[in-house]
Protein backbone atom coordinates (compact mmCIF):
# COMPACT_ATOMS: atom_id res chain seq x y z
CA UNK A 1 140.96 60.80 49.51
CA UNK A 2 140.27 58.47 46.58
CA UNK A 3 137.30 56.55 48.02
CA UNK A 4 135.50 59.68 49.19
CA UNK A 5 136.20 61.36 45.88
CA UNK A 6 134.70 58.49 43.89
CA UNK A 7 131.66 58.53 46.18
CA UNK A 8 131.11 62.19 45.33
CA UNK A 9 131.16 61.31 41.64
CA UNK A 10 128.86 58.31 41.85
CA UNK A 11 126.48 59.20 44.69
CA UNK A 12 123.78 60.83 42.60
CA UNK A 13 124.02 58.29 39.78
CA UNK A 14 123.76 55.31 42.13
CA UNK A 15 120.77 56.95 43.79
CA UNK A 16 118.98 57.27 40.47
CA UNK A 17 119.63 53.63 39.56
CA UNK A 18 118.35 52.46 42.94
CA UNK A 19 115.20 54.55 42.64
CA UNK A 20 114.58 53.19 39.16
CA UNK A 21 114.43 49.75 40.81
CA UNK A 22 111.61 51.03 43.05
CA UNK A 23 113.74 51.55 46.12
CA UNK A 24 114.23 48.01 47.43
CA UNK A 25 116.09 49.40 50.42
CA UNK A 26 116.83 52.69 52.13
CA UNK A 27 118.85 55.04 49.90
CA UNK A 28 120.96 57.97 51.05
CA UNK A 29 123.08 60.25 48.88
CA UNK A 30 124.72 63.59 48.64
CA UNK A 31 123.80 65.66 45.60
CA UNK A 32 126.29 68.52 45.41
CA UNK A 33 128.55 66.58 43.04
CA UNK A 34 128.87 68.90 40.03
CA UNK A 35 132.40 70.27 39.82
CA UNK A 36 133.40 73.80 38.81
CA UNK A 37 136.52 73.94 36.62
CA UNK A 38 136.49 77.75 36.22
CA UNK A 39 135.91 78.24 39.96
CA UNK A 40 137.91 81.49 40.01
CA UNK A 41 135.40 83.06 37.57
CA UNK A 42 132.26 82.25 39.61
CA UNK A 43 133.38 82.50 43.27
CA UNK A 44 129.93 83.30 44.69
CA UNK A 45 128.91 79.73 43.84
CA UNK A 46 130.78 78.61 46.96
CA UNK A 47 131.89 81.73 48.91
CA UNK A 48 129.46 84.54 49.75
CA UNK A 49 132.34 86.78 50.95
CA UNK A 50 133.38 87.32 47.30
CA UNK A 51 130.14 89.19 46.52
CA UNK A 52 131.29 92.69 45.59
CA UNK A 53 134.92 91.61 46.08
CA UNK A 54 136.23 94.14 43.58
CA UNK A 55 135.00 97.56 42.50
CA UNK A 56 132.65 96.34 39.79
CA UNK A 57 129.17 95.08 39.04
CA UNK A 58 129.21 91.51 37.73
CA UNK A 59 126.39 89.78 35.84
CA UNK A 60 127.42 86.18 35.24
CA UNK A 61 125.95 83.20 33.40
CA UNK A 62 127.63 79.84 33.97
CA UNK A 63 126.78 76.34 32.82
CA UNK A 64 128.29 72.87 33.01
CA UNK A 65 127.40 69.54 31.38
CA UNK A 66 129.30 66.84 33.22
CA UNK A 67 130.31 63.38 31.94
CA UNK A 68 128.72 63.71 28.48
CA UNK A 69 127.41 60.39 27.21
CA UNK A 70 126.23 59.02 30.56
CA UNK A 71 122.46 58.61 30.86
CA UNK A 72 122.00 60.38 34.21
CA UNK A 73 125.05 62.67 34.17
CA UNK A 74 124.80 65.90 36.22
CA UNK A 75 124.36 69.30 34.63
CA UNK A 76 124.12 72.76 36.20
CA UNK A 77 123.21 76.30 35.21
CA UNK A 78 123.79 79.40 37.38
CA UNK A 79 122.86 83.06 36.88
CA UNK A 80 124.27 85.57 39.38
CA UNK A 81 124.62 89.30 39.98
CA UNK A 82 126.85 90.96 42.59
CA UNK A 83 127.80 94.55 43.27
CA UNK A 84 129.81 96.51 45.88
CA UNK A 85 128.30 99.48 47.71
CA UNK A 86 128.96 101.79 50.66
CA UNK A 87 126.92 102.28 53.82
CA UNK A 88 128.56 105.38 55.22
CA UNK A 89 132.21 104.38 55.47
CA UNK A 90 131.40 100.68 55.53
CA UNK A 91 132.13 98.76 52.34
CA UNK A 92 129.67 95.96 51.57
CA UNK A 93 128.74 93.64 48.75
CA UNK A 94 125.36 92.29 47.70
CA UNK A 95 124.60 89.42 45.36
CA UNK A 96 121.75 87.26 44.13
CA UNK A 97 121.95 83.97 42.30
CA UNK A 98 119.72 81.27 40.84
CA UNK A 99 121.12 77.77 40.26
CA UNK A 100 119.57 74.69 38.68
CA UNK A 101 121.07 71.20 39.13
CA UNK A 102 119.86 68.09 37.29
CA UNK A 103 120.92 64.45 37.39
CA UNK A 104 118.60 61.83 35.97
CA UNK A 105 115.22 62.20 37.67
CA UNK A 106 116.61 64.54 40.33
CA UNK A 107 116.37 68.34 40.11
CA UNK A 108 117.28 71.15 42.53
CA UNK A 109 116.55 74.88 42.19
CA UNK A 110 118.53 77.07 44.58
CA UNK A 111 117.77 80.80 44.98
CA UNK A 112 120.33 82.64 47.11
CA UNK A 113 120.93 86.11 48.52
CA UNK A 114 124.58 86.95 49.37
CA UNK A 115 125.92 89.72 51.63
CA UNK A 116 129.51 90.61 52.51
CA UNK A 117 131.21 93.19 54.70
CA UNK A 118 134.86 94.09 54.26
CA UNK A 119 137.50 96.15 56.04
CA UNK A 120 141.21 96.93 55.73
CA UNK A 121 143.46 94.51 57.58
CA UNK A 122 147.27 94.24 57.64
CA UNK A 123 147.66 96.12 54.38
CA UNK A 124 145.04 94.04 52.62
CA UNK A 125 141.29 93.61 52.75
CA UNK A 126 139.26 91.04 54.68
CA UNK A 127 135.67 90.25 53.67
CA UNK A 128 133.16 88.22 55.68
CA UNK A 129 130.04 86.94 54.00
CA UNK A 130 126.79 85.13 54.62
CA UNK A 131 124.17 83.74 52.29
CA UNK A 132 120.60 82.62 52.79
CA UNK A 133 118.31 81.11 50.23
CA UNK A 134 115.66 78.58 49.35
CA UNK A 135 116.29 75.16 47.84
CA UNK A 136 113.58 73.24 46.02
CA UNK A 137 114.40 69.55 45.43
CA UNK A 138 112.41 67.13 43.31
CA UNK A 139 112.88 63.44 42.45
CA UNK A 140 110.80 61.57 39.86
CA UNK A 141 110.53 57.78 39.98
CA UNK A 142 107.21 55.99 39.64
CA UNK A 143 105.96 58.93 41.70
CA UNK A 144 107.23 62.47 42.26
CA UNK A 145 108.55 63.71 45.59
CA UNK A 146 109.59 67.26 46.40
CA UNK A 147 110.63 69.51 49.28
CA UNK A 148 111.47 73.13 50.01
CA UNK A 149 114.05 74.16 52.60
CA UNK A 150 116.15 77.09 53.76
CA UNK A 151 119.77 76.89 52.57
CA UNK A 152 122.55 78.68 54.51
CA UNK A 153 126.24 79.42 53.98
CA UNK A 154 129.13 81.54 55.28
CA UNK A 155 132.53 82.62 53.98
CA UNK A 156 135.67 84.67 54.48
CA UNK A 157 137.99 86.11 51.84
CA UNK A 158 141.28 87.98 52.17
CA UNK A 159 143.34 89.69 49.45
CA UNK A 160 146.55 91.69 49.50
CA UNK A 161 148.90 93.29 46.98
CA UNK A 162 152.67 92.82 47.37
CA UNK A 163 154.39 95.22 44.99
CA UNK A 164 153.29 93.98 41.58
CA UNK A 165 152.03 90.67 42.96
CA UNK A 166 148.52 90.01 44.22
CA UNK A 167 147.38 87.12 46.43
CA UNK A 168 144.03 85.94 47.79
CA UNK A 169 142.76 83.22 50.10
CA UNK A 170 139.24 82.18 51.03
CA UNK A 171 137.43 79.65 53.19
CA UNK A 172 133.71 78.99 53.14
CA UNK A 173 130.95 76.52 53.98
CA UNK A 174 127.84 75.80 51.92
CA UNK A 175 124.64 73.98 52.94
CA UNK A 176 125.29 74.62 56.64
CA UNK A 177 121.90 73.24 57.67
CA UNK A 178 122.17 70.27 55.24
CA UNK A 179 118.70 70.62 53.64
CA UNK A 180 117.22 67.28 52.61
CA UNK A 181 114.45 65.64 50.63
CA UNK A 182 113.06 62.53 52.26
CA UNK A 183 109.92 60.43 52.60
CA UNK A 184 108.80 57.59 54.88
CA UNK A 185 110.14 54.80 52.68
CA UNK A 186 113.45 54.94 50.83
CA UNK A 187 114.32 58.49 49.76
CA UNK A 188 116.80 60.56 51.73
CA UNK A 189 118.70 63.03 49.55
CA UNK A 190 120.83 65.46 51.50
CA UNK A 191 122.84 68.48 50.40
CA UNK A 192 125.92 67.77 52.49
CA UNK A 193 127.63 70.59 54.38
CA UNK A 194 130.73 71.32 52.29
CA UNK A 195 133.91 73.22 53.19
CA UNK A 196 135.87 75.06 50.48
CA UNK A 197 139.41 76.40 50.68
CA UNK A 198 140.70 78.69 47.92
CA UNK A 199 144.14 80.22 47.39
CA UNK A 200 145.70 81.91 44.38
CA UNK A 201 147.30 85.02 42.96
CA UNK A 202 148.39 87.14 40.01
CA UNK A 203 152.13 87.11 39.27
CA UNK A 204 153.62 89.48 36.67
CA UNK A 205 156.42 88.26 34.41
CA UNK A 206 159.37 90.03 32.80
CA UNK A 207 157.13 90.61 29.82
CA UNK A 208 154.60 93.19 31.07
CA UNK A 209 151.95 91.79 28.73
CA UNK A 210 151.84 88.41 30.51
CA UNK A 211 150.44 87.56 33.95
CA UNK A 212 150.70 84.10 35.50
CA UNK A 213 147.75 83.07 37.71
CA UNK A 214 148.14 79.90 39.81
CA UNK A 215 145.27 78.81 42.07
CA UNK A 216 143.95 75.88 44.09
CA UNK A 217 140.46 74.90 45.26
CA UNK A 218 139.94 72.19 47.89
CA UNK A 219 136.48 70.82 48.66
CA UNK A 220 135.51 68.56 51.58
CA UNK A 221 132.01 67.38 52.44
CA UNK A 222 133.15 64.99 55.15
CA UNK A 223 132.56 61.85 53.07
CA UNK A 224 134.09 63.22 49.86
CA UNK A 225 137.10 65.36 48.98
CA UNK A 226 138.45 66.90 45.78
CA UNK A 227 141.25 69.30 44.91
CA UNK A 228 141.89 71.33 41.74
CA UNK A 229 145.33 72.68 40.83
CA UNK A 230 145.12 75.37 38.13
CA UNK A 231 147.66 77.40 36.17
CA UNK A 232 146.49 80.18 33.85
CA UNK A 233 148.26 82.87 31.84
CA UNK A 234 146.76 86.14 30.63
CA UNK A 235 148.07 88.13 27.67
CA UNK A 236 147.55 91.89 27.46
CA UNK A 237 144.60 91.58 29.90
CA UNK A 238 142.54 90.36 26.94
CA UNK A 239 143.26 86.70 26.21
CA UNK A 240 143.85 83.86 28.63
CA UNK A 241 144.38 80.11 28.67
CA UNK A 242 145.32 77.46 31.16
CA UNK A 243 145.30 73.90 32.40
CA UNK A 244 143.98 72.31 35.57
CA UNK A 245 144.33 68.96 37.30
CA UNK A 246 141.57 67.58 39.50
CA UNK A 247 142.97 64.81 41.68
CA UNK A 248 142.06 61.35 40.40
CA UNK A 249 139.31 62.70 38.11
CA UNK A 250 140.24 64.95 35.18
CA UNK A 251 142.68 67.16 33.36
CA UNK A 252 141.11 70.40 32.16
CA UNK A 253 142.05 72.71 29.32
CA UNK A 254 140.48 76.17 29.30
CA UNK A 255 140.59 79.44 27.38
CA UNK A 256 138.79 82.76 27.18
CA UNK A 257 138.88 86.43 26.29
CA UNK A 258 137.80 89.91 27.36
CA UNK A 259 135.63 91.58 24.73
CA UNK A 260 135.11 95.16 25.91
CA UNK A 261 132.99 94.75 29.07
CA UNK A 262 132.28 91.05 28.61
CA UNK A 263 134.48 88.17 29.80
CA UNK A 264 133.93 84.77 28.25
CA UNK A 265 135.47 81.37 28.98
CA UNK A 266 135.26 77.69 28.05
CA UNK A 267 136.68 74.63 29.80
CA UNK A 268 136.82 70.98 28.74
CA UNK A 269 137.50 68.19 31.22
CA UNK A 270 139.29 65.06 30.02
CA UNK A 271 138.44 62.21 32.36
CA UNK A 272 141.30 60.19 33.82
CA UNK A 273 139.59 58.16 36.55
CA UNK A 274 138.04 54.75 35.92
CA UNK A 275 134.64 56.45 36.26
CA UNK A 276 135.00 59.74 34.38
CA UNK A 277 137.15 58.51 31.48
CA UNK A 278 134.27 56.31 30.31
CA UNK A 279 132.40 59.50 29.41
CA UNK A 280 133.01 61.93 26.55
CA UNK A 281 134.33 64.54 28.93
CA UNK A 282 132.68 67.55 30.57
CA UNK A 283 131.95 70.97 29.09
CA UNK A 284 131.76 74.27 30.99
CA UNK A 285 131.04 77.79 29.73
CA UNK A 286 130.75 81.18 31.39
CA UNK A 287 130.13 84.80 30.42
CA UNK A 288 130.37 87.84 32.72
CA UNK A 289 129.38 91.44 32.06
CA UNK A 290 131.56 93.82 34.11
CA UNK A 291 130.87 97.49 34.88
CA UNK A 292 133.46 99.34 36.97
CA UNK A 293 132.21 101.16 40.08
CA UNK A 294 134.56 103.54 41.88
CA UNK A 295 133.80 103.29 45.59
CA UNK A 296 137.06 104.90 46.73
CA UNK A 297 136.78 108.68 46.80
CA UNK A 298 140.53 108.91 47.37
CA UNK A 299 141.02 107.27 43.95
CA UNK A 300 143.55 104.73 45.05
CA UNK A 301 144.66 102.08 42.63
CA UNK A 302 141.72 99.74 41.96
CA UNK A 303 141.65 96.38 43.72
CA UNK A 304 142.85 93.46 41.65
CA UNK A 305 140.30 90.69 41.53
CA UNK A 306 140.03 86.96 41.96
CA UNK A 307 138.21 87.18 38.63
CA UNK A 308 140.98 89.12 36.83
CA UNK A 309 141.41 87.43 33.44
């Protein structure tokens, strides 16, 4: 896992350095290298099946500045909206998102439409999702090159409540068609097809004010792998904090709060690999506006969410 993981970290940066030297040879790289430490708070970034996953409208702003202090370090910003709705007796979810990635002279703008369909299954709920969008990629060297492509993804998400416990699991694939930016000489930048696996839950404690929330996110693009182990705790459904370990890359500390209908969070990555520890760490922030929507006319207990803080 280590070699592929380091390639994911360095691929974009090495590409930029090579292009700065006027492309003496053919250069290939994957670009989807920005990590997500608060992945549970922005699940539509990698799994379309989570659009409308709970009975609420979400409007989310998320941003990350990775490896502060490095000249061509990646940074990302994402704005997304998702909402559940009913078509007859069929529960669905709809979402839209706009994401901007930058690393040195490289930039990608990704506009995505998400759709999910869900149904009851074995006492829980299974959602299947699909997303389609447009990706605009640009690289600036001595000249500027750009391309526009369709970007596709799929996902599945299952959640179930066991007494006072709640568990969820998801699997998804982004960049199914591997959109690329290339020319006739040296540039070949490809958004690699990436598989994500997510599992986690909400576990009450003896103190009814505390909830423990373990989770794991595994990412595999074929040439690169990473895994995040996260443990959070929420107090009185208002304040939360936690730690996370990303294999061979970083330890993350994070905290946040619910302020009426707004959820906010901040995460700081402390680099531990030979590559990332030479930076000043990575910063990540998010804010989500939540408005409850009751889709269940029978007024059952509301679904607990992957995004429960």
